[in-house]
C-alpha atoms as a PDB file:
ATOM      1  CA  UNK A   1     -21.150  56.766 -36.171  1.00  0.00           C
ATOM      2  CA  UNK A   2     -19.945  53.513 -36.416  1.00  0.00           C
ATOM      3  CA  UNK A   3     -21.889  51.162 -38.809  1.00  0.00           C
ATOM      4  CA  UNK A   4     -21.714  47.817 -38.649  1.00  0.00           C
ATOM      5  CA  UNK A   5     -22.067  44.672 -40.974  1.00  0.00           C
ATOM      6  CA  UNK A   6     -23.138  41.656 -40.978  1.00  0.00           C
ATOM      7  CA  UNK A   7     -23.529  38.746 -43.111  1.00  0.00           C
ATOM      8  CA  UNK A   8     -27.100  37.708 -43.176  1.00  0.00           C
ATOM      9  CA  UNK A   9     -28.055  34.198 -44.535  1.00  0.00           C
ATOM     10  CA  UNK A  10     -30.705  35.567 -47.064  1.00  0.00           C
ATOM     11  CA  UNK A  11     -31.620  31.808 -48.823  1.00  0.00           C
ATOM     12  CA  UNK A  12     -32.891  30.644 -45.637  1.00  0.00           C
ATOM     13  CA  UNK A  13     -31.472  27.156 -45.620  1.00  0.00           C
ATOM     14  CA  UNK A  14     -30.042  26.246 -41.945  1.00  0.00           C
ATOM     15  CA  UNK A  15     -26.343  25.402 -42.001  1.00  0.00           C
ATOM     16  CA  UNK A  16     -25.147  21.907 -40.924  1.00  0.00           C
ATOM     17  CA  UNK A  17     -22.125  21.157 -40.293  1.00  0.00           C
ATOM     18  CA  UNK A  18     -20.086  19.069 -42.425  1.00  0.00           C
ATOM     19  CA  UNK A  19     -20.007  15.150 -41.308  1.00  0.00           C
ATOM     20  CA  UNK A  20     -16.284  15.324 -41.284  1.00  0.00           C
ATOM     21  CA  UNK A  21     -16.508  18.464 -38.564  1.00  0.00           C
ATOM     22  CA  UNK A  22     -19.499  16.061 -36.218  1.00  0.00           C
ATOM     23  CA  UNK A  23     -16.554  13.065 -36.218  1.00  0.00           C
ATOM     24  CA  UNK A  24     -13.553  15.905 -35.453  1.00  0.00           C
ATOM     25  CA  UNK A  25     -15.714  17.527 -32.570  1.00  0.00           C
ATOM     26  CA  UNK A  26     -16.452  13.753 -31.134  1.00  0.00           C
ATOM     27  CA  UNK A  27     -13.496  12.054 -31.386  1.00  0.00           C
ATOM     28  CA  UNK A  28     -11.878  15.765 -29.399  1.00  0.00           C
ATOM     29  CA  UNK A  29     -14.664  15.149 -27.381  1.00  0.00           C
ATOM     30  CA  UNK A  30     -13.731  11.480 -26.223  1.00  0.00           C
ATOM     31  CA  UNK A  31      -9.726  12.189 -26.018  1.00  0.00           C
ATOM     32  CA  UNK A  32     -10.307  15.161 -24.208  1.00  0.00           C
ATOM     33  CA  UNK A  33     -12.404  12.999 -21.473  1.00  0.00           C
ATOM     34  CA  UNK A  34      -9.526  10.127 -21.603  1.00  0.00           C
ATOM     35  CA  UNK A  35      -6.556  12.660 -21.073  1.00  0.00           C
ATOM     36  CA  UNK A  36      -8.634  13.699 -17.787  1.00  0.00           C
ATOM     37  CA  UNK A  37      -9.098  10.522 -16.488  1.00  0.00           C
ATOM     38  CA  UNK A  38      -5.607  10.011 -17.070  1.00  0.00           C
ATOM     39  CA  UNK A  39      -4.687  13.078 -15.682  1.00  0.00           C
ATOM     40  CA  UNK A  40      -6.969  12.883 -12.132  1.00  0.00           C
ATOM     41  CA  UNK A  41      -5.468   8.627 -11.766  1.00  0.00           C
ATOM     42  CA  UNK A  42      -2.240   9.909 -11.933  1.00  0.00           C
ATOM     43  CA  UNK A  43      -2.063  12.812  -9.770  1.00  0.00           C
ATOM     44  CA  UNK A  44      -5.261  12.592  -7.428  1.00  0.00           C
ATOM     45  CA  UNK A  45      -5.733   8.549  -7.240  1.00  0.00           C
ATOM     46  CA  UNK A  46      -4.017   5.070  -7.493  1.00  0.00           C
ATOM     47  CA  UNK A  47      -5.833   1.620  -8.549  1.00  0.00           C
ATOM     48  CA  UNK A  48      -4.311  -1.159  -6.519  1.00  0.00           C
ATOM     49  CA  UNK A  49      -5.411  -4.785  -6.539  1.00  0.00           C
ATOM     50  CA  UNK A  50      -4.655  -6.747  -2.956  1.00  0.00           C
ATOM     51  CA  UNK A  51      -1.873  -9.266  -3.320  1.00  0.00           C
ATOM     52  CA  UNK A  52      -2.011 -11.610  -0.954  1.00  0.00           C
ATOM     53  CA  UNK A  53      -3.516 -12.684   2.864  1.00  0.00           C
ATOM     54  CA  UNK A  54      -2.635 -10.433   5.184  1.00  0.00           C
ATOM     55  CA  UNK A  55      -5.468  -7.970   5.690  1.00  0.00           C
ATOM     56  CA  UNK A  56      -7.949 -10.777   5.998  1.00  0.00           C
ATOM     57  CA  UNK A  57     -10.782 -10.224   7.209  1.00  0.00           C
ATOM     58  CA  UNK A  58     -11.066  -6.944   5.894  1.00  0.00           C
ATOM     59  CA  UNK A  59      -9.635  -6.914   2.817  1.00  0.00           C
ATOM     60  CA  UNK A  60      -8.969 -10.577   0.759  1.00  0.00           C
ATOM     61  CA  UNK A  61      -6.946 -11.486  -2.007  1.00  0.00           C
ATOM     62  CA  UNK A  62      -8.015  -9.867  -5.124  1.00  0.00           C
ATOM     63  CA  UNK A  63      -9.640  -7.157  -3.873  1.00  0.00           C
ATOM     64  CA  UNK A  64      -9.233  -3.790  -5.573  1.00  0.00           C
ATOM     65  CA  UNK A  65      -8.810  -0.792  -3.787  1.00  0.00           C
ATOM     66  CA  UNK A  66      -8.642   3.180  -4.827  1.00  0.00           C
ATOM     67  CA  UNK A  67      -6.445   5.463  -3.095  1.00  0.00           C
ATOM     68  CA  UNK A  68      -5.616   9.120  -2.593  1.00  0.00           C
ATOM     69  CA  UNK A  69      -2.373  10.359  -2.245  1.00  0.00           C
ATOM     70  CA  UNK A  70      -3.047  14.123  -1.927  1.00  0.00           C
ATOM     71  CA  UNK A  71      -1.881  13.974   1.473  1.00  0.00           C
ATOM     72  CA  UNK A  72       1.084  13.462   3.783  1.00  0.00           C
ATOM     73  CA  UNK A  73      -0.681  13.096   6.783  1.00  0.00           C
ATOM     74  CA  UNK A  74      -1.759   9.554   8.837  1.00  0.00           C
ATOM     75  CA  UNK A  75      -3.739   8.892  11.273  1.00  0.00           C
ATOM     76  CA  UNK A  76      -3.724   5.400  13.426  1.00  0.00           C
ATOM     77  CA  UNK A  77      -6.333   3.332  11.966  1.00  0.00           C
ATOM     78  CA  UNK A  78      -6.252   3.851   8.012  1.00  0.00           C
ATOM     79  CA  UNK A  79      -5.487   1.644   5.489  1.00  0.00           C
ATOM     80  CA  UNK A  80      -2.054   2.496   3.510  1.00  0.00           C
ATOM     81  CA  UNK A  81       0.136   1.101   0.431  1.00  0.00           C
ATOM     82  CA  UNK A  82       3.755   1.255   1.019  1.00  0.00           C
ATOM     83  CA  UNK A  83       6.387   1.175  -1.638  1.00  0.00           C
ATOM     84  CA  UNK A  84       9.166  -1.514  -1.301  1.00  0.00           C
ATOM     85  CA  UNK A  85      12.634  -1.037  -3.427  1.00  0.00           C
ATOM     86  CA  UNK A  86      13.072  -4.753  -4.400  1.00  0.00           C
ATOM     87  CA  UNK A  87       9.420  -6.286  -4.144  1.00  0.00           C
ATOM     88  CA  UNK A  88       5.620  -5.279  -4.346  1.00  0.00           C
ATOM     89  CA  UNK A  89       3.871  -3.077  -2.552  1.00  0.00           C
ATOM     90  CA  UNK A  90       2.439  -3.932   0.854  1.00  0.00           C
ATOM     91  CA  UNK A  91      -1.017  -2.565   2.002  1.00  0.00           C
ATOM     92  CA  UNK A  92      -1.397  -2.480   5.434  1.00  0.00           C
ATOM     93  CA  UNK A  93      -2.985  -0.420   8.327  1.00  0.00           C
ATOM     94  CA  UNK A  94      -1.056   2.489  10.374  1.00  0.00           C
ATOM     95  CA  UNK A  95      -1.126   1.251  13.847  1.00  0.00           C
ATOM     96  CA  UNK A  96       0.942   4.359  15.067  1.00  0.00           C
ATOM     97  CA  UNK A  97       2.109   7.752  13.610  1.00  0.00           C
ATOM     98  CA  UNK A  98       4.962  10.379  15.121  1.00  0.00           C
ATOM     99  CA  UNK A  99       5.599  10.294  18.520  1.00  0.00           C
ATOM    100  CA  UNK A 100       3.003   7.137  19.643  1.00  0.00           C
ATOM    101  CA  UNK A 101       4.483   4.382  21.485  1.00  0.00           C
ATOM    102  CA  UNK A 102       4.188   0.615  20.842  1.00  0.00           C
ATOM    103  CA  UNK A 103       4.351  -2.939  22.740  1.00  0.00           C
ATOM    104  CA  UNK A 104       2.990  -5.780  22.680  1.00  0.00           C
ATOM    105  CA  UNK A 105       2.104  -7.746  26.113  1.00  0.00           C
ATOM    106  CA  UNK A 106      -0.123 -11.115  26.569  1.00  0.00           C
ATOM    107  CA  UNK A 107      -1.082 -11.305  22.723  1.00  0.00           C
ATOM    108  CA  UNK A 108      -2.571  -7.755  22.873  1.00  0.00           C
ATOM    109  CA  UNK A 109      -1.513  -3.650  21.073  1.00  0.00           C
ATOM    110  CA  UNK A 110      -0.811  -1.319  23.948  1.00  0.00           C
ATOM    111  CA  UNK A 111      -0.453   2.226  22.018  1.00  0.00           C
ATOM    112  CA  UNK A 112       1.268   5.065  24.816  1.00  0.00           C
ATOM    113  CA  UNK A 113       0.675   2.524  27.205  1.00  0.00           C
ATOM    114  CA  UNK A 114      -2.995   1.979  26.635  1.00  0.00           C
ATOM    115  CA  UNK A 115      -4.566  -1.043  25.564  1.00  0.00           C
ATOM    116  CA  UNK A 116      -5.400  -0.317  21.510  1.00  0.00           C
ATOM    117  CA  UNK A 117      -9.025  -1.523  20.686  1.00  0.00           C
ATOM    118  CA  UNK A 118      -9.293  -3.174  17.031  1.00  0.00           C
ATOM    119  CA  UNK A 119     -12.188  -4.642  15.958  1.00  0.00           C
ATOM    120  CA  UNK A 120     -10.989  -5.085  12.859  1.00  0.00           C
ATOM    121  CA  UNK A 121      -9.031  -7.981  13.780  1.00  0.00           C
ATOM    122  CA  UNK A 122      -9.758 -11.733  15.267  1.00  0.00           C
ATOM    123  CA  UNK A 123      -6.689 -12.911  16.714  1.00  0.00           C
ATOM    124  CA  UNK A 124      -4.110 -11.967  19.341  1.00  0.00           C
ATOM    125  CA  UNK A 125      -0.664  -9.836  18.175  1.00  0.00           C
ATOM    126  CA  UNK A 126       2.736 -10.871  18.865  1.00  0.00           C
ATOM    127  CA  UNK A 127       5.915  -9.485  18.521  1.00  0.00           C
ATOM    128  CA  UNK A 128       6.991 -12.275  15.776  1.00  0.00           C
ATOM    129  CA  UNK A 129      10.494 -10.318  14.844  1.00  0.00           C
ATOM    130  CA  UNK A 130      13.292 -12.008  16.281  1.00  0.00           C
ATOM    131  CA  UNK A 131      15.596  -9.052  16.157  1.00  0.00           C
ATOM    132  CA  UNK A 132      15.313  -5.365  15.413  1.00  0.00           C
ATOM    133  CA  UNK A 133      12.656  -3.226  15.789  1.00  0.00           C
ATOM    134  CA  UNK A 134      12.660  -3.667  20.177  1.00  0.00           C
ATOM    135  CA  UNK A 135       9.474  -3.069  22.027  1.00  0.00           C
ATOM    136  CA  UNK A 136       8.011  -0.678  23.115  1.00  0.00           C
ATOM    137  CA  UNK A 137       9.250   1.326  20.844  1.00  0.00           C
ATOM    138  CA  UNK A 138       8.937   5.231  20.287  1.00  0.00           C
ATOM    139  CA  UNK A 139       7.469   6.343  16.521  1.00  0.00           C
ATOM    140  CA  UNK A 140       9.862   9.069  15.214  1.00  0.00           C
ATOM    141  CA  UNK A 141       8.815  11.770  13.225  1.00  0.00           C
ATOM    142  CA  UNK A 142       8.115  11.389   9.253  1.00  0.00           C
ATOM    143  CA  UNK A 143       7.266   7.482  10.171  1.00  0.00           C
ATOM    144  CA  UNK A 144       4.663   5.531  10.832  1.00  0.00           C
ATOM    145  CA  UNK A 145       4.181   1.525  12.219  1.00  0.00           C
ATOM    146  CA  UNK A 146       2.249  -0.698   9.822  1.00  0.00           C
ATOM    147  CA  UNK A 147       0.715  -4.082  10.443  1.00  0.00           C
ATOM    148  CA  UNK A 148      -1.629  -6.337   8.639  1.00  0.00           C
ATOM    149  CA  UNK A 149      -4.891  -7.310   9.967  1.00  0.00           C
ATOM    150  CA  UNK A 150      -4.475 -11.522   9.617  1.00  0.00           C
ATOM    151  CA  UNK A 151      -1.984 -10.628  12.494  1.00  0.00           C
ATOM    152  CA  UNK A 152      -0.349 -14.284  12.347  1.00  0.00           C
ATOM    153  CA  UNK A 153       0.017 -13.674   8.327  1.00  0.00           C
ATOM    154  CA  UNK A 154       1.828 -10.371   8.020  1.00  0.00           C
ATOM    155  CA  UNK A 155       4.708  -8.613   7.099  1.00  0.00           C
ATOM    156  CA  UNK A 156       4.854  -5.571   8.683  1.00  0.00           C
ATOM    157  CA  UNK A 157       6.153  -3.113  11.117  1.00  0.00           C
ATOM    158  CA  UNK A 158       7.134  -6.002  12.956  1.00  0.00           C
ATOM    159  CA  UNK A 159       9.761  -7.149  11.123  1.00  0.00           C
ATOM    160  CA  UNK A 160      13.129  -6.030  10.116  1.00  0.00           C
ATOM    161  CA  UNK A 161      12.243  -6.441   6.659  1.00  0.00           C
ATOM    162  CA  UNK A 162       9.789  -3.743   6.865  1.00  0.00           C
ATOM    163  CA  UNK A 163      10.599  -1.887  10.182  1.00  0.00           C
ATOM    164  CA  UNK A 164       8.873   2.161  10.784  1.00  0.00           C
ATOM    165  CA  UNK A 165       7.351   3.078   7.704  1.00  0.00           C
ATOM    166  CA  UNK A 166       9.128   6.263   5.933  1.00  0.00           C
ATOM    167  CA  UNK A 167       5.908   8.414   4.984  1.00  0.00           C
ATOM    168  CA  UNK A 168       7.371   9.370   2.095  1.00  0.00           C
ATOM    169  CA  UNK A 169       7.463   5.532   1.253  1.00  0.00           C
ATOM    170  CA  UNK A 170       3.100   5.780   1.038  1.00  0.00           C
ATOM    171  CA  UNK A 171       1.899   5.621  -1.934  1.00  0.00           C
ATOM    172  CA  UNK A 172      -1.731   6.596  -1.203  1.00  0.00           C
ATOM    173  CA  UNK A 173      -4.271   5.945   1.699  1.00  0.00           C
ATOM    174  CA  UNK A 174      -7.356   3.927   0.945  1.00  0.00           C
ATOM    175  CA  UNK A 175     -10.325   5.682  -0.588  1.00  0.00           C
ATOM    176  CA  UNK A 176     -12.606   3.544  -1.928  1.00  0.00           C
ATOM    177  CA  UNK A 177     -12.840  -0.572  -1.454  1.00  0.00           C
ATOM    178  CA  UNK A 178     -14.215  -2.574  -4.733  1.00  0.00           C
ATOM    179  CA  UNK A 179     -14.584  -6.735  -3.490  1.00  0.00           C
ATOM    180  CA  UNK A 180     -13.587  -8.912  -5.699  1.00  0.00           C
ATOM    181  CA  UNK A 181     -16.149 -10.115  -7.333  1.00  0.00           C
ATOM    182  CA  UNK A 182     -14.759 -14.087  -7.500  1.00  0.00           C
ATOM    183  CA  UNK A 183     -14.683 -14.529  -3.816  1.00  0.00           C
END
């Protein structure tokens, strides 16, 4: 047989925490919440600001984007942000993925020999680069071909300065678009 001992408050008074304990609990809760948000933003999401006009009319200069970087699989039509070693990141749309062949004819984009339906643009598209890459072009494994929606004002995969984009250089893909309230 075991005997259990319990402490019993016989005074009948309710125990109230010391004010310092309340303050410590509040600070610990806030610090924990801030740490959780920082971890989520560091490892799951990124917030970037659109700089420039290469994605007009769909994204405006100053718009904020929330990206997710938990994938390395990118699909045609997705908006991605690309890191550049010596310059600011680029916000572009994935036009072609590994195995796709891209070409330009009469102001239109052809993907795998079929005219690409691009409801997100309002102008014709031309090969703007005087040098490489040469078209038609087949995208190798581990790369994507990207272009801005404002085709006349976009530094993208049509240019030798950007070219095909290694998927390891993609910082993330668009999850949420927050419009700039000033425009």
